[in-house]
């Protein structure tokens, strides 16, 4: 079964714009997967430690025949191939690829949580998601448009 998924991409190291472009290229080569839409880039301040460079963020939509777990493993492999090092929570990173949504499924396992736990509160995810899917309704019935309004979220530099 093919599903529509949304993936958040972020980088603040080694020419972040280039890193995001490379990640999109890698994702476009995944089996049973095609990229549907790509948001513009959003520059944002770090969520974690402030003594690091600003992030570049974007969201892409895909259609995939991969299972959610296979997609997660593929994204983690891309992160590793691109040089991602996990040594500081919310620290600087060359690339971050997070599954925001996978169809209308709700997944809560030790390995994967979908919708992404930070989806409804992070402007740097909601704005690019709204850009490419303005009518999107989350599995819990909330509209991305309403989340931005209700939280008066301001995004980006």
N, C-alpha and C. Protein backbone atom coordinates (compact mmCIF):
# COMPACT_ATOMS: atom_id res chain seq x y z
N UNK A 1 0.84 -1.19 0.00
CA UNK A 1 0.00 0.00 0.00
C UNK A 1 0.89 1.25 0.00
N UNK A 2 0.56 2.20 -0.84
CA UNK A 2 1.31 3.45 -0.91
C UNK A 2 0.67 4.49 0.00
N UNK A 3 1.50 5.25 0.67
CA UNK A 3 1.02 6.29 1.58
C UNK A 3 1.72 7.61 1.28
N UNK A 4 1.04 8.69 1.65
CA UNK A 4 1.63 10.01 1.58
C UNK A 4 2.30 10.27 2.92
N UNK A 5 3.53 10.72 2.88
CA UNK A 5 4.26 11.04 4.10
C UNK A 5 4.83 12.44 4.02
N UNK A 6 5.13 12.98 5.17
CA UNK A 6 5.75 14.30 5.27
C UNK A 6 7.01 14.16 6.11
N UNK A 7 8.10 14.73 5.60
CA UNK A 7 9.40 14.62 6.27
C UNK A 7 9.95 16.01 6.50
N UNK A 8 10.38 16.27 7.72
CA UNK A 8 11.04 17.54 8.06
C UNK A 8 12.54 17.34 7.91
N UNK A 9 13.18 18.33 7.29
CA UNK A 9 14.63 18.31 7.10
C UNK A 9 15.22 19.53 7.78
N UNK A 10 16.35 19.36 8.43
CA UNK A 10 17.02 20.48 9.07
C UNK A 10 18.52 20.30 9.06
N UNK A 11 19.24 21.43 9.00
CA UNK A 11 20.69 21.41 9.03
C UNK A 11 21.21 22.77 9.49
N UNK A 12 22.32 22.74 10.23
CA UNK A 12 22.97 24.00 10.57
C UNK A 12 24.49 23.91 10.48
N UNK A 13 24.99 22.91 9.78
CA UNK A 13 26.43 22.73 9.60
C UNK A 13 26.78 22.49 8.13
N UNK A 14 28.01 22.87 7.77
CA UNK A 14 28.57 22.51 6.45
C UNK A 14 27.66 22.92 5.28
N UNK A 15 27.39 24.20 5.17
CA UNK A 15 26.53 24.73 4.11
C UNK A 15 25.14 24.08 4.18
N UNK A 16 24.34 24.46 5.16
CA UNK A 16 23.04 23.83 5.39
C UNK A 16 22.15 23.73 4.15
N UNK A 17 22.12 24.75 3.31
CA UNK A 17 21.29 24.70 2.11
C UNK A 17 21.72 23.53 1.22
N UNK A 18 23.00 23.37 1.07
CA UNK A 18 23.54 22.26 0.28
C UNK A 18 23.18 20.91 0.92
N UNK A 19 23.26 20.84 2.24
CA UNK A 19 22.93 19.59 2.93
C UNK A 19 21.46 19.21 2.71
N UNK A 20 20.58 20.20 2.76
CA UNK A 20 19.16 19.91 2.52
C UNK A 20 18.93 19.44 1.09
N UNK A 21 19.59 20.07 0.14
CA UNK A 21 19.46 19.64 -1.26
C UNK A 21 19.93 18.19 -1.42
N UNK A 22 21.06 17.87 -0.78
CA UNK A 22 21.58 16.50 -0.87
C UNK A 22 20.62 15.50 -0.23
N UNK A 23 20.03 15.88 0.89
CA UNK A 23 19.08 14.97 1.55
C UNK A 23 17.88 14.71 0.66
N UNK A 24 17.36 15.76 0.02
CA UNK A 24 16.23 15.59 -0.89
C UNK A 24 16.62 14.65 -2.04
N UNK A 25 17.83 14.82 -2.57
CA UNK A 25 18.29 13.92 -3.64
C UNK A 25 18.35 12.48 -3.16
N UNK A 26 18.90 12.26 -1.96
CA UNK A 26 18.97 10.90 -1.42
C UNK A 26 17.56 10.31 -1.25
N UNK A 27 16.66 11.09 -0.70
CA UNK A 27 15.29 10.59 -0.48
C UNK A 27 14.62 10.27 -1.81
N UNK A 28 14.90 11.06 -2.83
CA UNK A 28 14.29 10.82 -4.15
C UNK A 28 14.74 9.48 -4.74
N UNK A 29 15.85 8.94 -4.25
CA UNK A 29 16.36 7.66 -4.76
C UNK A 29 15.91 6.45 -3.94
N UNK A 30 15.12 6.68 -2.90
CA UNK A 30 14.65 5.55 -2.09
C UNK A 30 13.73 4.68 -2.93
N UNK A 31 13.78 3.37 -2.73
CA UNK A 31 12.88 2.49 -3.49
C UNK A 31 11.41 2.76 -3.15
N UNK A 32 10.56 2.57 -4.12
CA UNK A 32 9.10 2.69 -3.95
C UNK A 32 8.69 4.07 -3.44
N UNK A 33 9.51 5.09 -3.69
CA UNK A 33 9.27 6.41 -3.12
C UNK A 33 9.47 7.48 -4.17
N UNK A 34 8.57 8.47 -4.17
CA UNK A 34 8.78 9.63 -5.03
C UNK A 34 8.42 10.89 -4.25
N UNK A 35 9.16 11.93 -4.53
CA UNK A 35 8.92 13.21 -3.88
C UNK A 35 7.79 13.92 -4.61
N UNK A 36 6.84 14.43 -3.83
CA UNK A 36 5.70 15.14 -4.41
C UNK A 36 5.92 16.65 -4.38
N UNK A 37 6.24 17.19 -3.21
CA UNK A 37 6.41 18.63 -3.05
C UNK A 37 7.56 18.92 -2.10
N UNK A 38 8.19 20.07 -2.31
CA UNK A 38 9.30 20.51 -1.47
C UNK A 38 9.03 21.96 -1.09
N UNK A 39 9.03 22.24 0.21
CA UNK A 39 8.82 23.62 0.65
C UNK A 39 10.05 24.46 0.36
N UNK A 40 9.88 25.76 0.49
CA UNK A 40 11.04 26.64 0.42
C UNK A 40 11.85 26.43 1.71
N UNK A 41 13.00 27.09 1.80
CA UNK A 41 13.83 26.99 2.99
C UNK A 41 13.41 28.04 4.01
N UNK A 42 13.48 27.66 5.28
CA UNK A 42 13.15 28.54 6.39
C UNK A 42 14.35 28.60 7.32
N UNK A 43 14.86 29.78 7.60
CA UNK A 43 15.96 29.93 8.55
C UNK A 43 15.38 30.17 9.93
N UNK A 44 15.88 29.40 10.90
CA UNK A 44 15.33 29.49 12.26
C UNK A 44 16.44 29.45 13.30
N UNK A 45 16.14 29.99 14.46
CA UNK A 45 17.09 29.90 15.57
C UNK A 45 17.04 28.49 16.14
N UNK A 46 18.13 28.04 16.76
CA UNK A 46 18.17 26.68 17.31
C UNK A 46 17.12 26.48 18.41
N UNK A 47 16.57 25.28 18.45
CA UNK A 47 15.62 24.90 19.49
C UNK A 47 16.37 24.63 20.80
N UNK A 48 17.54 24.07 20.70
CA UNK A 48 18.32 23.70 21.88
C UNK A 48 19.33 24.76 22.25
N UNK A 49 20.57 24.34 22.50
CA UNK A 49 21.62 25.29 22.88
C UNK A 49 21.73 26.44 21.88
N UNK A 50 21.82 27.66 22.40
CA UNK A 50 21.81 28.84 21.53
C UNK A 50 23.19 29.17 20.95
N UNK A 51 24.24 28.54 21.46
CA UNK A 51 25.59 28.82 20.98
C UNK A 51 25.95 27.93 19.77
N UNK A 52 25.06 27.92 18.79
CA UNK A 52 25.27 27.17 17.56
C UNK A 52 24.66 27.97 16.41
N UNK A 53 25.03 27.66 15.18
CA UNK A 53 24.49 28.41 14.05
C UNK A 53 22.98 28.21 13.90
N UNK A 54 22.34 29.18 13.22
CA UNK A 54 20.92 29.04 12.88
C UNK A 54 20.72 27.82 11.99
N UNK A 55 19.50 27.31 11.99
CA UNK A 55 19.15 26.16 11.16
C UNK A 55 18.48 26.61 9.88
N UNK A 56 18.62 25.79 8.86
CA UNK A 56 17.80 25.87 7.66
C UNK A 56 16.88 24.66 7.74
N UNK A 57 15.58 24.90 7.55
CA UNK A 57 14.59 23.84 7.64
C UNK A 57 13.71 23.83 6.39
N UNK A 58 13.16 22.68 6.09
CA UNK A 58 12.15 22.55 5.06
C UNK A 58 11.39 21.26 5.29
N UNK A 59 10.26 21.15 4.61
CA UNK A 59 9.43 19.95 4.68
C UNK A 59 9.18 19.46 3.26
N UNK A 60 9.21 18.15 3.10
CA UNK A 60 8.87 17.56 1.80
C UNK A 60 7.73 16.59 1.99
N UNK A 61 6.95 16.41 0.93
CA UNK A 61 5.94 15.36 0.94
C UNK A 61 6.39 14.29 -0.04
N UNK A 62 6.10 13.05 0.32
CA UNK A 62 6.47 11.91 -0.51
C UNK A 62 5.27 10.99 -0.65
N UNK A 63 5.33 10.18 -1.67
CA UNK A 63 4.44 9.03 -1.79
C UNK A 63 5.36 7.83 -1.72
N UNK A 64 5.04 6.89 -0.84
CA UNK A 64 5.94 5.76 -0.65
C UNK A 64 5.20 4.44 -0.45
N UNK A 65 5.85 3.40 -0.90
CA UNK A 65 5.37 2.06 -0.65
C UNK A 65 6.16 1.40 0.48
N UNK A 66 7.12 2.13 1.03
CA UNK A 66 7.88 1.62 2.18
C UNK A 66 7.01 1.64 3.43
N UNK A 67 7.23 0.70 4.31
CA UNK A 67 6.55 0.76 5.61
C UNK A 67 7.13 1.94 6.38
N UNK A 68 6.45 2.36 7.41
CA UNK A 68 6.94 3.47 8.22
C UNK A 68 8.31 3.14 8.82
N UNK A 69 8.48 1.92 9.29
CA UNK A 69 9.75 1.52 9.89
C UNK A 69 10.86 1.47 8.84
N UNK A 70 10.55 0.97 7.65
CA UNK A 70 11.55 0.93 6.57
C UNK A 70 11.93 2.35 6.15
N UNK A 71 10.95 3.25 6.13
CA UNK A 71 11.24 4.64 5.81
C UNK A 71 12.15 5.26 6.87
N UNK A 72 11.84 5.02 8.14
CA UNK A 72 12.68 5.53 9.23
C UNK A 72 14.11 5.02 9.09
N UNK A 73 14.27 3.72 8.87
CA UNK A 73 15.61 3.15 8.73
C UNK A 73 16.35 3.74 7.54
N UNK A 74 15.63 3.98 6.45
CA UNK A 74 16.23 4.58 5.26
C UNK A 74 16.68 6.01 5.54
N UNK A 75 15.86 6.77 6.26
CA UNK A 75 16.23 8.15 6.59
C UNK A 75 17.42 8.19 7.54
N UNK A 76 17.47 7.27 8.48
CA UNK A 76 18.61 7.21 9.40
C UNK A 76 19.89 6.82 8.65
N UNK A 77 19.77 5.95 7.67
CA UNK A 77 20.92 5.57 6.85
C UNK A 77 21.42 6.79 6.06
N UNK A 78 20.49 7.57 5.50
CA UNK A 78 20.86 8.79 4.78
C UNK A 78 21.59 9.74 5.73
N UNK A 79 21.05 9.93 6.93
CA UNK A 79 21.71 10.80 7.91
C UNK A 79 23.14 10.32 8.19
N UNK A 80 23.29 9.02 8.39
CA UNK A 80 24.62 8.47 8.68
C UNK A 80 25.57 8.65 7.50
N UNK A 81 25.07 8.39 6.29
CA UNK A 81 25.90 8.54 5.09
C UNK A 81 26.34 9.98 4.89
N UNK A 82 25.50 10.92 5.30
CA UNK A 82 25.82 12.33 5.15
C UNK A 82 26.70 12.85 6.29
N UNK A 83 26.98 12.01 7.28
CA UNK A 83 27.90 12.39 8.34
C UNK A 83 27.26 12.86 9.63
N UNK A 84 26.01 12.52 9.83
CA UNK A 84 25.32 12.92 11.06
C UNK A 84 25.99 12.28 12.27
N UNK A 85 26.27 13.09 13.28
CA UNK A 85 26.82 12.61 14.55
C UNK A 85 25.83 12.98 15.63
N UNK A 86 25.46 12.00 16.45
CA UNK A 86 24.49 12.23 17.52
C UNK A 86 25.22 12.28 18.86
N UNK A 87 25.68 13.48 19.25
CA UNK A 87 26.39 13.56 20.52
C UNK A 87 25.82 14.61 21.47
N UNK A 88 24.90 15.46 21.00
CA UNK A 88 24.30 16.46 21.86
C UNK A 88 22.83 16.63 21.46
N UNK A 89 21.93 16.36 22.40
CA UNK A 89 20.50 16.51 22.13
C UNK A 89 20.22 17.95 21.71
N UNK A 90 19.54 18.12 20.59
CA UNK A 90 19.21 19.42 20.02
C UNK A 90 20.44 20.24 19.67
N UNK A 91 21.56 19.56 19.51
CA UNK A 91 22.80 20.25 19.16
C UNK A 91 22.92 20.44 17.66
N UNK A 92 24.06 21.00 17.23
CA UNK A 92 24.28 21.22 15.81
C UNK A 92 24.30 19.89 15.06
N UNK A 93 23.87 19.94 13.81
CA UNK A 93 23.85 18.72 13.01
C UNK A 93 23.98 19.04 11.54
N UNK A 94 24.59 18.10 10.85
CA UNK A 94 24.76 18.25 9.41
C UNK A 94 23.43 18.00 8.70
N UNK A 95 22.64 17.07 9.24
CA UNK A 95 21.32 16.79 8.64
C UNK A 95 20.44 16.11 9.69
N UNK A 96 19.18 16.42 9.61
CA UNK A 96 18.17 15.78 10.45
C UNK A 96 16.98 15.50 9.55
N UNK A 97 16.53 14.26 9.52
CA UNK A 97 15.39 13.85 8.70
C UNK A 97 14.36 13.20 9.62
N UNK A 98 13.25 13.87 9.83
CA UNK A 98 12.22 13.37 10.75
C UNK A 98 10.92 13.10 10.02
N UNK A 99 10.35 11.94 10.26
CA UNK A 99 9.03 11.63 9.73
C UNK A 99 8.02 12.40 10.56
N UNK A 100 7.29 13.29 9.91
CA UNK A 100 6.24 14.05 10.60
C UNK A 100 4.93 13.28 10.59
N UNK A 101 4.57 12.82 9.40
CA UNK A 101 3.31 12.09 9.20
C UNK A 101 3.55 10.96 8.22
N UNK A 102 2.81 9.89 8.41
CA UNK A 102 2.87 8.73 7.51
C UNK A 102 1.43 8.32 7.25
N UNK A 103 0.90 8.83 6.13
CA UNK A 103 -0.52 8.63 5.88
C UNK A 103 -1.30 9.23 7.03
N UNK A 104 -2.35 8.55 7.43
CA UNK A 104 -3.16 9.00 8.55
C UNK A 104 -2.92 8.12 9.79
N UNK A 105 -1.79 7.41 9.75
CA UNK A 105 -1.51 6.46 10.84
C UNK A 105 -1.00 7.16 12.08
N UNK A 106 -1.31 6.57 13.21
CA UNK A 106 -0.75 6.96 14.49
C UNK A 106 0.11 5.78 14.94
N UNK A 107 1.40 6.05 15.15
CA UNK A 107 2.35 5.01 15.53
C UNK A 107 3.03 5.46 16.82
N UNK A 108 3.02 4.58 17.81
CA UNK A 108 3.67 4.89 19.08
C UNK A 108 4.43 3.65 19.53
N UNK A 109 5.68 3.57 19.11
CA UNK A 109 6.51 2.43 19.48
C UNK A 109 7.82 2.94 20.07
N UNK A 110 8.64 2.02 20.54
CA UNK A 110 9.94 2.41 21.07
C UNK A 110 10.83 3.01 19.99
N UNK A 111 10.57 2.64 18.75
CA UNK A 111 11.40 3.05 17.62
C UNK A 111 10.90 4.29 16.91
N UNK A 112 9.58 4.45 16.84
CA UNK A 112 9.01 5.50 16.00
C UNK A 112 7.71 6.04 16.61
N UNK A 113 7.59 7.36 16.60
CA UNK A 113 6.35 8.02 17.02
C UNK A 113 5.88 8.90 15.86
N UNK A 114 4.68 8.63 15.38
CA UNK A 114 4.06 9.40 14.30
C UNK A 114 2.61 9.63 14.69
N UNK A 115 2.12 10.85 14.58
CA UNK A 115 2.80 12.06 14.16
C UNK A 115 3.98 12.39 15.07
N UNK A 116 4.94 13.09 14.48
CA UNK A 116 6.14 13.49 15.24
C UNK A 116 5.71 14.25 16.48
N UNK A 117 6.29 13.95 17.64
CA UNK A 117 5.86 14.58 18.90
C UNK A 117 5.93 16.11 18.91
N UNK A 118 6.84 16.71 18.16
CA UNK A 118 6.96 18.16 18.15
C UNK A 118 6.20 18.85 17.05
N UNK A 119 5.48 18.08 16.26
CA UNK A 119 4.81 18.62 15.08
C UNK A 119 3.88 19.78 15.39
N UNK A 120 3.09 19.67 16.42
CA UNK A 120 2.04 20.68 16.66
C UNK A 120 2.54 21.95 17.36
N UNK A 121 3.80 21.96 17.80
CA UNK A 121 4.29 23.11 18.55
C UNK A 121 5.48 23.82 17.90
N UNK A 122 6.02 23.28 16.86
CA UNK A 122 7.24 23.84 16.27
C UNK A 122 6.92 24.61 14.99
N UNK A 123 7.10 25.90 15.06
CA UNK A 123 6.80 26.75 13.91
C UNK A 123 7.65 26.37 12.70
N UNK A 124 8.90 25.97 12.94
CA UNK A 124 9.78 25.64 11.82
C UNK A 124 9.37 24.36 11.10
N UNK A 125 8.42 23.65 11.65
CA UNK A 125 7.82 22.50 10.98
C UNK A 125 6.45 22.88 10.42
N UNK A 126 5.65 23.56 11.21
CA UNK A 126 4.28 23.88 10.80
C UNK A 126 4.23 24.81 9.58
N UNK A 127 5.08 25.82 9.54
CA UNK A 127 5.03 26.76 8.41
C UNK A 127 5.38 26.10 7.07
N UNK A 128 6.50 25.37 6.99
CA UNK A 128 6.76 24.71 5.71
C UNK A 128 5.74 23.61 5.38
N UNK A 129 5.21 22.96 6.40
CA UNK A 129 4.17 21.96 6.17
C UNK A 129 2.92 22.63 5.61
N UNK A 130 2.54 23.75 6.18
CA UNK A 130 1.38 24.51 5.70
C UNK A 130 1.61 24.99 4.27
N UNK A 131 2.84 25.38 3.97
CA UNK A 131 3.16 25.86 2.62
C UNK A 131 2.84 24.81 1.56
N UNK A 132 3.20 23.55 1.83
CA UNK A 132 3.00 22.52 0.80
C UNK A 132 1.69 21.75 0.96
N UNK A 133 1.03 21.90 2.11
CA UNK A 133 -0.24 21.18 2.34
C UNK A 133 -1.17 22.05 3.18
N UNK A 134 -1.66 23.16 2.61
CA UNK A 134 -2.44 24.12 3.40
C UNK A 134 -3.75 23.58 3.96
N UNK A 135 -4.27 22.52 3.39
CA UNK A 135 -5.53 21.95 3.88
C UNK A 135 -5.33 20.68 4.70
N UNK A 136 -4.10 20.39 5.04
CA UNK A 136 -3.78 19.15 5.74
C UNK A 136 -4.47 19.06 7.09
N UNK A 137 -5.04 17.88 7.35
CA UNK A 137 -5.68 17.58 8.63
C UNK A 137 -4.88 16.43 9.27
N UNK A 138 -4.48 16.63 10.50
CA UNK A 138 -3.71 15.62 11.22
C UNK A 138 -4.62 14.46 11.63
N UNK A 139 -4.03 13.31 11.97
CA UNK A 139 -4.85 12.16 12.36
C UNK A 139 -5.80 12.45 13.52
N UNK A 140 -5.48 13.42 14.38
CA UNK A 140 -6.36 13.74 15.50
C UNK A 140 -7.46 14.74 15.12
N UNK A 141 -7.51 15.13 13.85
CA UNK A 141 -8.56 16.03 13.37
C UNK A 141 -8.16 17.50 13.34
N UNK A 142 -7.01 17.84 13.91
CA UNK A 142 -6.56 19.24 13.90
C UNK A 142 -6.04 19.61 12.51
N UNK A 143 -6.30 20.86 12.12
CA UNK A 143 -5.80 21.37 10.86
C UNK A 143 -4.51 22.13 11.11
N UNK A 144 -3.54 21.95 10.23
CA UNK A 144 -2.26 22.65 10.37
C UNK A 144 -2.51 24.15 10.41
N UNK A 145 -3.39 24.63 9.57
CA UNK A 145 -3.74 26.06 9.52
C UNK A 145 -4.19 26.56 10.90
N UNK A 146 -5.03 25.78 11.55
CA UNK A 146 -5.57 26.18 12.86
C UNK A 146 -4.50 26.14 13.95
N UNK A 147 -3.57 25.20 13.84
CA UNK A 147 -2.50 25.11 14.83
C UNK A 147 -1.63 26.37 14.80
N UNK A 148 -1.33 26.84 13.62
CA UNK A 148 -0.51 28.06 13.49
C UNK A 148 -1.26 29.24 14.08
N UNK A 149 -2.52 29.37 13.75
CA UNK A 149 -3.34 30.49 14.26
C UNK A 149 -3.53 30.41 15.77
N UNK A 150 -3.91 29.25 16.27
CA UNK A 150 -4.24 29.09 17.68
C UNK A 150 -3.04 29.36 18.59
N UNK A 151 -1.87 29.03 18.12
CA UNK A 151 -0.69 29.19 18.94
C UNK A 151 0.02 30.51 18.66
N UNK A 152 -0.52 31.29 17.73
CA UNK A 152 0.12 32.55 17.32
C UNK A 152 1.61 32.37 17.08
N UNK A 153 1.93 31.28 16.39
CA UNK A 153 3.33 30.96 16.16
C UNK A 153 3.94 31.87 15.11
N UNK A 154 5.08 32.39 15.43
CA UNK A 154 5.84 33.17 14.47
C UNK A 154 7.01 32.32 14.03
N UNK A 155 7.30 32.43 12.77
CA UNK A 155 8.36 31.57 12.26
C UNK A 155 9.42 32.35 11.53
N UNK A 156 10.57 31.93 11.77
CA UNK A 156 11.67 32.12 10.85
C UNK A 156 12.23 33.52 10.81
N UNK A 157 13.43 33.59 10.33
CA UNK A 157 14.17 34.84 10.28
C UNK A 157 14.06 35.48 8.91
